[in-house]
Amino acid sequence: MAILPIVKYPDKRLKTKSQKVWEFDENLHALLDDMYETMIATNGIGLAAIQVAKPICALIITLPREDGEQYEEDRLEIINPTLINATGASLYQEGCLSVPGFYEEIERFAEVSVAYQNRFGEEKVLKADGLLAIAIQHEMDHLNGVLFVDKLPLLRRKKFEKELKRIQKEQKSSQTN
């Protein structure tokens, strides 16, 4: 297994619409395993394949348990997801491995049902609420080329862009010193 580089905003690849997975083979399994290692190494709870420069409809999620730890047996691998039901509304302060250091409150559905395939191509349905529902929606957005910052109201989006420019400027000046 390997830790993969994460594509960072404003890289245009993050706007790519991911393609359906047709081959459920050892290459897909290796990618899913590498994605898991990458997500854990970067303290994430979810990761879409596009975030590691693979434009396919695959994502992983591993929520921490009450002890704050993430366990591999809790890993969800969701391939070719389709939202089949969504109800309610929930506000949650989201962050993203592709937009490090920036967090904003985003409104999402409170409960979702998703049809998907597992790593072997078997069809499944998952009903989720709470943080799991939020994470699924966040990662599914990535598969459609949508970032959580795209959902911000105009004024908050401008604040984000300004903050991002400041951070990038600081990073450049620290690299030249």
N, C-alpha and C. Protein backbone atom coordinates (compact mmCIF):
# COMPACT_ATOMS: atom_id res chain seq x y z
N MET A 1 0.84 -1.18 0.00
CA MET A 1 0.00 0.00 0.00
C MET A 1 0.88 1.24 0.00
N ALA A 2 0.31 2.32 -0.53
CA ALA A 2 1.08 3.56 -0.66
C ALA A 2 0.22 4.76 -0.28
N ILE A 3 0.91 5.78 0.18
CA ILE A 3 0.23 7.05 0.44
C ILE A 3 0.33 7.88 -0.84
N LEU A 4 -0.82 8.27 -1.36
CA LEU A 4 -0.89 8.98 -2.63
C LEU A 4 -0.93 10.49 -2.40
N PRO A 5 -0.41 11.27 -3.37
CA PRO A 5 -0.52 12.73 -3.25
C PRO A 5 -1.98 13.16 -3.43
N ILE A 6 -2.41 14.10 -2.59
CA ILE A 6 -3.78 14.61 -2.68
C ILE A 6 -3.81 15.86 -3.57
N VAL A 7 -4.74 15.87 -4.50
CA VAL A 7 -4.94 17.01 -5.39
C VAL A 7 -5.55 18.14 -4.56
N LYS A 8 -4.95 19.32 -4.64
CA LYS A 8 -5.39 20.45 -3.82
C LYS A 8 -6.08 21.52 -4.68
N TYR A 9 -7.08 22.16 -4.07
CA TYR A 9 -7.74 23.30 -4.69
C TYR A 9 -6.70 24.39 -4.90
N PRO A 10 -6.68 25.09 -6.02
CA PRO A 10 -7.66 25.19 -7.11
C PRO A 10 -7.37 24.31 -8.32
N ASP A 11 -6.67 23.19 -8.16
CA ASP A 11 -6.35 22.30 -9.28
C ASP A 11 -7.63 21.95 -10.04
N LYS A 12 -7.59 22.16 -11.35
CA LYS A 12 -8.77 21.97 -12.20
C LYS A 12 -9.25 20.51 -12.25
N ARG A 13 -8.39 19.57 -11.91
CA ARG A 13 -8.81 18.16 -11.92
C ARG A 13 -9.93 17.91 -10.92
N LEU A 14 -10.01 18.72 -9.86
CA LEU A 14 -11.08 18.55 -8.88
C LEU A 14 -12.45 18.87 -9.46
N LYS A 15 -12.49 19.55 -10.58
CA LYS A 15 -13.76 19.89 -11.25
C LYS A 15 -14.18 18.80 -12.25
N THR A 16 -13.37 17.77 -12.39
CA THR A 16 -13.65 16.69 -13.33
C THR A 16 -14.81 15.83 -12.84
N LYS A 17 -15.72 15.51 -13.75
CA LYS A 17 -16.80 14.57 -13.42
C LYS A 17 -16.24 13.16 -13.57
N SER A 18 -16.34 12.38 -12.51
CA SER A 18 -15.76 11.04 -12.51
C SER A 18 -16.57 10.06 -13.36
N GLN A 19 -15.86 9.06 -13.86
CA GLN A 19 -16.46 8.06 -14.74
C GLN A 19 -16.85 6.80 -13.96
N LYS A 20 -17.89 6.14 -14.44
CA LYS A 20 -18.38 4.92 -13.81
C LYS A 20 -17.29 3.84 -13.81
N VAL A 21 -17.25 3.06 -12.76
CA VAL A 21 -16.32 1.94 -12.65
C VAL A 21 -16.96 0.71 -13.28
N TRP A 22 -16.21 0.06 -14.18
CA TRP A 22 -16.71 -1.15 -14.84
C TRP A 22 -15.89 -2.38 -14.44
N GLU A 23 -14.62 -2.16 -14.10
CA GLU A 23 -13.72 -3.26 -13.76
C GLU A 23 -13.53 -3.32 -12.25
N PHE A 24 -13.95 -4.40 -11.63
CA PHE A 24 -13.81 -4.60 -10.19
C PHE A 24 -12.68 -5.60 -9.97
N ASP A 25 -11.47 -5.16 -10.28
CA ASP A 25 -10.31 -6.05 -10.31
C ASP A 25 -9.27 -5.65 -9.28
N GLU A 26 -8.11 -6.30 -9.36
CA GLU A 26 -7.04 -6.03 -8.39
C GLU A 26 -6.53 -4.59 -8.48
N ASN A 27 -6.63 -3.95 -9.65
CA ASN A 27 -6.22 -2.55 -9.76
C ASN A 27 -7.13 -1.65 -8.93
N LEU A 28 -8.43 -1.90 -8.98
CA LEU A 28 -9.38 -1.14 -8.17
C LEU A 28 -9.12 -1.41 -6.69
N HIS A 29 -8.92 -2.67 -6.34
CA HIS A 29 -8.68 -3.03 -4.94
C HIS A 29 -7.42 -2.34 -4.41
N ALA A 30 -6.37 -2.30 -5.21
CA ALA A 30 -5.12 -1.64 -4.80
C ALA A 30 -5.35 -0.14 -4.62
N LEU A 31 -6.11 0.47 -5.53
CA LEU A 31 -6.42 1.89 -5.40
C LEU A 31 -7.20 2.17 -4.12
N LEU A 32 -8.22 1.36 -3.85
CA LEU A 32 -9.01 1.54 -2.63
C LEU A 32 -8.15 1.40 -1.38
N ASP A 33 -7.25 0.44 -1.38
CA ASP A 33 -6.35 0.25 -0.24
C ASP A 33 -5.42 1.46 -0.08
N ASP A 34 -4.88 1.96 -1.19
CA ASP A 34 -4.01 3.14 -1.15
C ASP A 34 -4.78 4.38 -0.70
N MET A 35 -6.02 4.49 -1.16
CA MET A 35 -6.86 5.62 -0.73
C MET A 35 -7.08 5.58 0.78
N TYR A 36 -7.31 4.39 1.31
CA TYR A 36 -7.52 4.26 2.75
C TYR A 36 -6.26 4.69 3.51
N GLU A 37 -5.11 4.20 3.09
CA GLU A 37 -3.85 4.57 3.74
C GLU A 37 -3.64 6.09 3.67
N THR A 38 -3.94 6.67 2.53
CA THR A 38 -3.78 8.12 2.33
C THR A 38 -4.71 8.89 3.25
N MET A 39 -5.97 8.47 3.31
CA MET A 39 -6.97 9.15 4.13
C MET A 39 -6.57 9.09 5.61
N ILE A 40 -6.16 7.94 6.09
CA ILE A 40 -5.77 7.79 7.49
C ILE A 40 -4.52 8.63 7.78
N ALA A 41 -3.55 8.61 6.87
CA ALA A 41 -2.29 9.35 7.08
C ALA A 41 -2.51 10.86 7.12
N THR A 42 -3.59 11.33 6.51
CA THR A 42 -3.86 12.78 6.45
C THR A 42 -5.01 13.19 7.37
N ASN A 43 -5.41 12.29 8.27
CA ASN A 43 -6.46 12.56 9.26
C ASN A 43 -7.82 12.90 8.63
N GLY A 44 -8.14 12.25 7.53
CA GLY A 44 -9.44 12.45 6.90
C GLY A 44 -10.43 11.39 7.34
N ILE A 45 -11.70 11.64 7.05
CA ILE A 45 -12.73 10.61 7.30
C ILE A 45 -13.34 10.11 6.00
N GLY A 46 -13.02 10.79 4.90
CA GLY A 46 -13.52 10.38 3.59
C GLY A 46 -12.56 10.83 2.51
N LEU A 47 -12.58 10.11 1.39
CA LEU A 47 -11.72 10.45 0.27
C LEU A 47 -12.34 9.92 -1.01
N ALA A 48 -12.46 10.79 -2.00
CA ALA A 48 -12.94 10.37 -3.32
C ALA A 48 -11.75 10.13 -4.23
N ALA A 49 -11.88 9.21 -5.17
CA ALA A 49 -10.77 8.86 -6.05
C ALA A 49 -10.22 10.08 -6.80
N ILE A 50 -11.08 11.00 -7.18
CA ILE A 50 -10.62 12.19 -7.91
C ILE A 50 -9.63 13.00 -7.08
N GLN A 51 -9.71 12.89 -5.76
CA GLN A 51 -8.79 13.63 -4.89
C GLN A 51 -7.37 13.07 -4.93
N VAL A 52 -7.22 11.87 -5.49
CA VAL A 52 -5.89 11.31 -5.72
C VAL A 52 -5.66 11.13 -7.22
N ALA A 53 -6.31 12.02 -7.98
CA ALA A 53 -6.12 12.13 -9.44
C ALA A 53 -6.61 10.92 -10.23
N LYS A 54 -7.59 10.20 -9.69
CA LYS A 54 -8.21 9.08 -10.40
C LYS A 54 -9.68 9.44 -10.61
N PRO A 55 -10.06 9.84 -11.83
CA PRO A 55 -11.44 10.30 -12.06
C PRO A 55 -12.44 9.17 -12.25
N ILE A 56 -12.57 8.34 -11.21
CA ILE A 56 -13.55 7.25 -11.25
C ILE A 56 -14.51 7.40 -10.07
N CYS A 57 -15.70 6.84 -10.21
CA CYS A 57 -16.75 6.95 -9.19
C CYS A 57 -16.49 5.97 -8.05
N ALA A 58 -15.52 6.32 -7.23
CA ALA A 58 -15.18 5.50 -6.07
C ALA A 58 -14.83 6.42 -4.91
N LEU A 59 -15.30 6.07 -3.73
CA LEU A 59 -14.98 6.84 -2.54
C LEU A 59 -14.89 5.91 -1.35
N ILE A 60 -14.20 6.37 -0.33
CA ILE A 60 -14.10 5.61 0.91
C ILE A 60 -14.43 6.54 2.07
N ILE A 61 -14.96 5.94 3.12
CA ILE A 61 -15.29 6.68 4.34
C ILE A 61 -15.00 5.76 5.53
N THR A 62 -14.35 6.31 6.53
CA THR A 62 -14.16 5.59 7.80
C THR A 62 -14.36 6.60 8.91
N LEU A 63 -15.51 6.52 9.56
CA LEU A 63 -15.80 7.44 10.66
C LEU A 63 -15.10 6.98 11.93
N PRO A 64 -14.65 7.92 12.75
CA PRO A 64 -14.08 7.53 14.04
C PRO A 64 -15.17 6.99 14.97
N ARG A 65 -14.78 6.07 15.83
CA ARG A 65 -15.69 5.56 16.85
C ARG A 65 -15.66 6.51 18.05
N GLU A 66 -16.39 6.15 19.09
CA GLU A 66 -16.47 6.99 20.29
C GLU A 66 -15.11 7.25 20.91
N ASP A 67 -14.15 6.33 20.72
CA ASP A 67 -12.81 6.52 21.28
C ASP A 67 -11.94 7.44 20.42
N GLY A 68 -12.53 7.94 19.31
CA GLY A 68 -11.81 8.86 18.43
C GLY A 68 -10.95 8.16 17.40
N GLU A 69 -10.87 6.85 17.45
CA GLU A 69 -10.04 6.08 16.52
C GLU A 69 -10.84 5.61 15.31
N GLN A 70 -10.14 5.43 14.19
CA GLN A 70 -10.74 4.87 12.99
C GLN A 70 -10.23 3.44 12.84
N TYR A 71 -11.14 2.54 12.57
CA TYR A 71 -10.79 1.13 12.45
C TYR A 71 -11.05 0.66 11.03
N GLU A 72 -10.10 -0.11 10.50
CA GLU A 72 -10.20 -0.55 9.12
C GLU A 72 -11.46 -1.36 8.85
N GLU A 73 -11.92 -2.11 9.86
CA GLU A 73 -13.14 -2.91 9.64
C GLU A 73 -14.38 -2.04 9.48
N ASP A 74 -14.29 -0.75 9.81
CA ASP A 74 -15.41 0.18 9.62
C ASP A 74 -15.36 0.87 8.25
N ARG A 75 -14.34 0.57 7.48
CA ARG A 75 -14.15 1.24 6.18
C ARG A 75 -15.30 0.92 5.24
N LEU A 76 -15.89 1.98 4.71
CA LEU A 76 -16.92 1.86 3.67
C LEU A 76 -16.28 2.16 2.32
N GLU A 77 -16.48 1.29 1.38
CA GLU A 77 -16.01 1.52 0.01
C GLU A 77 -17.26 1.61 -0.86
N ILE A 78 -17.47 2.76 -1.44
CA ILE A 78 -18.70 3.04 -2.17
C ILE A 78 -18.33 3.35 -3.62
N ILE A 79 -18.77 2.48 -4.51
CA ILE A 79 -18.43 2.61 -5.92
C ILE A 79 -19.71 2.79 -6.72
N ASN A 80 -19.66 3.73 -7.67
CA ASN A 80 -20.81 4.06 -8.52
C ASN A 80 -22.07 4.40 -7.70
N PRO A 81 -21.94 5.31 -6.73
CA PRO A 81 -23.10 5.62 -5.88
C PRO A 81 -24.18 6.41 -6.61
N THR A 82 -25.42 6.14 -6.21
CA THR A 82 -26.58 6.88 -6.69
C THR A 82 -27.45 7.21 -5.49
N LEU A 83 -27.77 8.47 -5.34
CA LEU A 83 -28.65 8.91 -4.25
C LEU A 83 -30.06 8.48 -4.61
N ILE A 84 -30.69 7.64 -3.77
CA ILE A 84 -32.04 7.17 -4.09
C ILE A 84 -33.10 7.82 -3.20
N ASN A 85 -32.68 8.39 -2.07
CA ASN A 85 -33.63 9.09 -1.21
C ASN A 85 -32.85 10.05 -0.33
N ALA A 86 -33.41 11.21 -0.08
CA ALA A 86 -32.78 12.19 0.80
C ALA A 86 -33.87 13.01 1.48
N THR A 87 -33.74 13.18 2.81
CA THR A 87 -34.75 13.92 3.55
C THR A 87 -34.09 14.80 4.60
N GLY A 88 -34.85 15.80 5.04
CA GLY A 88 -34.41 16.66 6.13
C GLY A 88 -33.26 17.57 5.75
N ALA A 89 -32.81 18.34 6.71
CA ALA A 89 -31.69 19.26 6.50
C ALA A 89 -30.81 19.25 7.74
N SER A 90 -29.52 19.42 7.50
CA SER A 90 -28.55 19.40 8.58
C SER A 90 -27.42 20.37 8.24
N LEU A 91 -26.99 21.15 9.23
CA LEU A 91 -25.83 22.03 9.07
C LEU A 91 -24.64 21.37 9.74
N TYR A 92 -23.50 21.37 9.05
CA TYR A 92 -22.31 20.76 9.63
C TYR A 92 -21.08 21.53 9.17
N GLN A 93 -20.14 21.72 10.09
CA GLN A 93 -18.89 22.40 9.76
C GLN A 93 -17.99 21.41 9.03
N GLU A 94 -17.81 21.64 7.73
CA GLU A 94 -17.06 20.71 6.89
C GLU A 94 -15.67 21.24 6.59
N GLY A 95 -14.77 20.29 6.38
CA GLY A 95 -13.44 20.56 5.88
C GLY A 95 -13.19 19.59 4.75
N CYS A 96 -12.01 19.68 4.13
CA CYS A 96 -11.73 18.83 2.98
C CYS A 96 -10.23 18.66 2.84
N LEU A 97 -9.79 17.44 2.58
CA LEU A 97 -8.36 17.19 2.39
C LEU A 97 -7.80 17.95 1.19
N SER A 98 -8.66 18.28 0.22
CA SER A 98 -8.23 19.04 -0.95
C SER A 98 -8.27 20.54 -0.72
N VAL A 99 -8.84 20.97 0.39
CA VAL A 99 -8.89 22.40 0.76
C VAL A 99 -8.43 22.49 2.22
N PRO A 100 -7.14 22.17 2.46
CA PRO A 100 -6.68 22.07 3.85
C PRO A 100 -6.76 23.39 4.61
N GLY A 101 -7.12 23.27 5.89
CA GLY A 101 -7.12 24.44 6.77
C GLY A 101 -8.34 25.33 6.68
N PHE A 102 -9.32 24.96 5.88
CA PHE A 102 -10.50 25.81 5.71
C PHE A 102 -11.74 25.00 6.08
N TYR A 103 -12.58 25.57 6.94
CA TYR A 103 -13.79 24.89 7.41
C TYR A 103 -14.96 25.86 7.32
N GLU A 104 -16.09 25.36 6.85
CA GLU A 104 -17.29 26.19 6.74
C GLU A 104 -18.51 25.33 7.01
N GLU A 105 -19.54 25.98 7.52
CA GLU A 105 -20.81 25.31 7.77
C GLU A 105 -21.55 25.16 6.44
N ILE A 106 -21.95 23.93 6.15
CA ILE A 106 -22.62 23.61 4.89
C ILE A 106 -23.93 22.90 5.21
N GLU A 107 -24.98 23.25 4.47
CA GLU A 107 -26.25 22.56 4.65
C GLU A 107 -26.32 21.36 3.73
N ARG A 108 -26.70 20.23 4.30
CA ARG A 108 -26.84 18.97 3.57
C ARG A 108 -28.16 18.32 3.98
N PHE A 109 -28.51 17.23 3.28
CA PHE A 109 -29.64 16.42 3.71
C PHE A 109 -29.28 15.74 5.04
N ALA A 110 -30.26 15.58 5.92
CA ALA A 110 -30.02 14.94 7.22
C ALA A 110 -29.94 13.42 7.09
N GLU A 111 -30.71 12.86 6.16
CA GLU A 111 -30.73 11.41 5.95
C GLU A 111 -30.66 11.12 4.46
N VAL A 112 -29.89 10.10 4.11
CA VAL A 112 -29.78 9.69 2.71
C VAL A 112 -29.83 8.18 2.59
N SER A 113 -30.28 7.73 1.44
CA SER A 113 -30.17 6.33 1.04
C SER A 113 -29.41 6.31 -0.27
N VAL A 114 -28.41 5.45 -0.35
CA VAL A 114 -27.53 5.40 -1.51
C VAL A 114 -27.43 3.97 -2.02
N ALA A 115 -27.64 3.81 -3.32
CA ALA A 115 -27.38 2.53 -3.97
C ALA A 115 -25.95 2.61 -4.50
N TYR A 116 -25.19 1.52 -4.34
CA TYR A 116 -23.80 1.52 -4.77
C TYR A 116 -23.32 0.09 -4.97
N GLN A 117 -22.08 -0.03 -5.39
CA GLN A 117 -21.44 -1.34 -5.51
C GLN A 117 -20.23 -1.36 -4.57
N ASN A 118 -19.91 -2.56 -4.08
CA ASN A 118 -18.71 -2.70 -3.27
C ASN A 118 -17.52 -3.03 -4.17
N ARG A 119 -16.37 -3.31 -3.58
CA ARG A 119 -15.15 -3.54 -4.37
C ARG A 119 -15.24 -4.75 -5.29
N PHE A 120 -16.22 -5.62 -5.05
CA PHE A 120 -16.40 -6.81 -5.88
C PHE A 120 -17.52 -6.65 -6.90
N GLY A 121 -18.12 -5.45 -6.93
CA GLY A 121 -19.20 -5.19 -7.88
C GLY A 121 -20.57 -5.58 -7.38
N GLU A 122 -20.67 -6.05 -6.14
CA GLU A 122 -21.96 -6.45 -5.57
C GLU A 122 -22.78 -5.20 -5.25
N GLU A 123 -24.07 -5.25 -5.61
CA GLU A 123 -24.95 -4.11 -5.38
C GLU A 123 -25.43 -4.06 -3.95
N LYS A 124 -25.42 -2.85 -3.39
CA LYS A 124 -25.79 -2.64 -1.99
C LYS A 124 -26.64 -1.38 -1.88
N VAL A 125 -27.32 -1.24 -0.75
CA VAL A 125 -28.04 -0.01 -0.42
C VAL A 125 -27.65 0.36 1.00
N LEU A 126 -27.35 1.61 1.22
CA LEU A 126 -26.96 2.09 2.54
C LEU A 126 -27.86 3.25 2.93
N LYS A 127 -28.43 3.16 4.12
CA LYS A 127 -29.20 4.27 4.69
C LYS A 127 -28.32 4.91 5.75
N ALA A 128 -28.21 6.24 5.71
CA ALA A 128 -27.31 6.92 6.63
C ALA A 128 -27.92 8.21 7.14
N ASP A 129 -27.51 8.57 8.36
CA ASP A 129 -27.87 9.88 8.91
C ASP A 129 -26.65 10.41 9.65
N GLY A 130 -26.77 11.58 10.25
CA GLY A 130 -25.67 12.15 11.01
C GLY A 130 -24.43 12.39 10.16
N LEU A 131 -23.27 12.21 10.80
CA LEU A 131 -22.00 12.47 10.13
C LEU A 131 -21.80 11.59 8.90
N LEU A 132 -22.27 10.35 8.95
CA LEU A 132 -22.12 9.46 7.79
C LEU A 132 -22.87 10.01 6.59
N ALA A 133 -24.07 10.50 6.79
CA ALA A 133 -24.84 11.09 5.67
C ALA A 133 -24.11 12.31 5.11
N ILE A 134 -23.56 13.13 5.99
CA ILE A 134 -22.81 14.32 5.56
C ILE A 134 -21.60 13.90 4.73
N ALA A 135 -20.83 12.94 5.25
CA ALA A 135 -19.61 12.50 4.57
C ALA A 135 -19.92 11.90 3.20
N ILE A 136 -20.98 11.10 3.12
CA ILE A 136 -21.36 10.51 1.84
C ILE A 136 -21.68 11.60 0.82
N GLN A 137 -22.47 12.58 1.23
CA GLN A 137 -22.84 13.66 0.31
C GLN A 137 -21.60 14.48 -0.12
N HIS A 138 -20.72 14.74 0.84
CA HIS A 138 -19.50 15.50 0.55
C HIS A 138 -18.65 14.77 -0.50
N GLU A 139 -18.44 13.46 -0.28
CA GLU A 139 -17.61 12.69 -1.21
C GLU A 139 -18.31 12.47 -2.56
N MET A 140 -19.63 12.29 -2.54
CA MET A 140 -20.35 12.15 -3.81
C MET A 140 -20.27 13.44 -4.62
N ASP A 141 -20.28 14.58 -3.94
CA ASP A 141 -20.10 15.84 -4.66
C ASP A 141 -18.78 15.84 -5.42
N HIS A 142 -17.71 15.34 -4.78
CA HIS A 142 -16.40 15.27 -5.45
C HIS A 142 -16.51 14.50 -6.77
N LEU A 143 -17.29 13.42 -6.77
CA LEU A 143 -17.42 12.62 -7.99
C LEU A 143 -18.06 13.40 -9.12
N ASN A 144 -18.79 14.46 -8.77
CA ASN A 144 -19.43 15.32 -9.77
C ASN A 144 -18.67 16.63 -9.99
N GLY A 145 -17.46 16.71 -9.46
CA GLY A 145 -16.64 17.91 -9.66
C GLY A 145 -17.06 19.09 -8.80
N VAL A 146 -17.74 18.83 -7.68
CA VAL A 146 -18.23 19.89 -6.80
C VAL A 146 -17.47 19.82 -5.47
N LEU A 147 -16.96 20.96 -5.03
CA LEU A 147 -16.30 21.06 -3.73
C LEU A 147 -17.23 21.73 -2.74
N PHE A 148 -17.01 21.49 -1.46
CA PHE A 148 -17.88 22.10 -0.45
C PHE A 148 -17.85 23.61 -0.51
N VAL A 149 -16.73 24.19 -0.93
CA VAL A 149 -16.66 25.65 -1.03
C VAL A 149 -17.53 26.19 -2.17
N ASP A 150 -17.86 25.34 -3.12
CA ASP A 150 -18.77 25.74 -4.22
C ASP A 150 -20.18 25.98 -3.69
N LYS A 151 -20.49 25.43 -2.54
CA LYS A 151 -21.83 25.56 -1.96
C LYS A 151 -21.98 26.78 -1.06
N LEU A 152 -20.90 27.53 -0.89
CA LEU A 152 -20.94 28.70 -0.02
C LEU A 152 -21.70 29.85 -0.66
N PRO A 153 -22.39 30.65 0.16
CA PRO A 153 -23.00 31.87 -0.36
C PRO A 153 -21.90 32.81 -0.87
N LEU A 154 -22.26 33.73 -1.75
CA LEU A 154 -21.28 34.57 -2.44
C LEU A 154 -20.30 35.27 -1.49
N LEU A 155 -20.80 35.90 -0.42
CA LEU A 155 -19.90 36.64 0.47
C LEU A 155 -18.91 35.71 1.18
N ARG A 156 -19.38 34.54 1.62
CA ARG A 156 -18.48 33.60 2.28
C ARG A 156 -17.50 33.00 1.28
N ARG A 157 -17.94 32.85 0.04
CA ARG A 157 -17.05 32.33 -1.01
C ARG A 157 -15.92 33.32 -1.27
N LYS A 158 -16.25 34.63 -1.32
CA LYS A 158 -15.23 35.66 -1.52
C LYS A 158 -14.25 35.66 -0.35
N LYS A 159 -14.75 35.49 0.87
CA LYS A 159 -13.90 35.42 2.06
C LYS A 159 -12.94 34.22 1.94
N PHE A 160 -13.46 33.10 1.50
CA PHE A 160 -12.63 31.91 1.30
C PHE A 160 -11.53 32.18 0.29
N GLU A 161 -11.87 32.76 -0.86
CA GLU A 161 -10.88 33.03 -1.91
C GLU A 161 -9.79 33.97 -1.39
N LYS A 162 -10.19 34.98 -0.60
CA LYS A 162 -9.23 35.93 -0.03
C LYS A 162 -8.31 35.21 0.96
N GLU A 163 -8.87 34.39 1.82
CA GLU A 163 -8.10 33.62 2.79
C GLU A 163 -7.13 32.66 2.09
N LEU A 164 -7.59 32.02 1.03
CA LEU A 164 -6.76 31.09 0.28
C LEU A 164 -5.56 31.82 -0.33
N LYS A 165 -5.80 32.98 -0.91
CA LYS A 165 -4.69 33.76 -1.50
C LYS A 165 -3.68 34.15 -0.42
N ARG A 166 -4.16 34.52 0.76
CA ARG A 166 -3.26 34.88 1.86
C ARG A 166 -2.40 33.68 2.26
N ILE A 167 -3.02 32.51 2.39
CA ILE A 167 -2.30 31.30 2.78
C ILE A 167 -1.26 30.93 1.73
N GLN A 168 -1.65 31.01 0.44
CA GLN A 168 -0.72 30.68 -0.64
C GLN A 168 0.47 31.64 -0.66
N LYS A 169 0.19 32.92 -0.40
CA LYS A 169 1.26 33.93 -0.36
C LYS A 169 2.22 33.62 0.79
N GLU A 170 1.68 33.28 1.95
CA GLU A 170 2.52 32.93 3.11
C GLU A 170 3.37 31.69 2.82
N GLN A 171 2.78 30.71 2.15
CA GLN A 171 3.53 29.49 1.82
C GLN A 171 4.68 29.80 0.86
N LYS A 172 4.42 30.66 -0.14
CA LYS A 172 5.47 31.02 -1.09
C LYS A 172 6.60 31.77 -0.40
N SER A 173 6.27 32.71 0.49
CA SER A 173 7.32 33.48 1.16
C SER A 173 8.13 32.61 2.13
N SER A 174 7.48 31.61 2.75
CA SER A 174 8.24 30.72 3.64
C SER A 174 9.13 29.77 2.86
N GLN A 175 8.78 29.46 1.61
CA GLN A 175 9.60 28.59 0.78
C GLN A 175 10.83 29.33 0.24
N THR A 176 10.70 30.64 0.06
CA THR A 176 11.83 31.41 -0.47
C THR A 176 12.78 31.86 0.62
N ASN A 177 12.37 31.78 1.88
CA ASN A 177 13.24 32.20 3.00
C ASN A 177 14.10 31.06 3.50
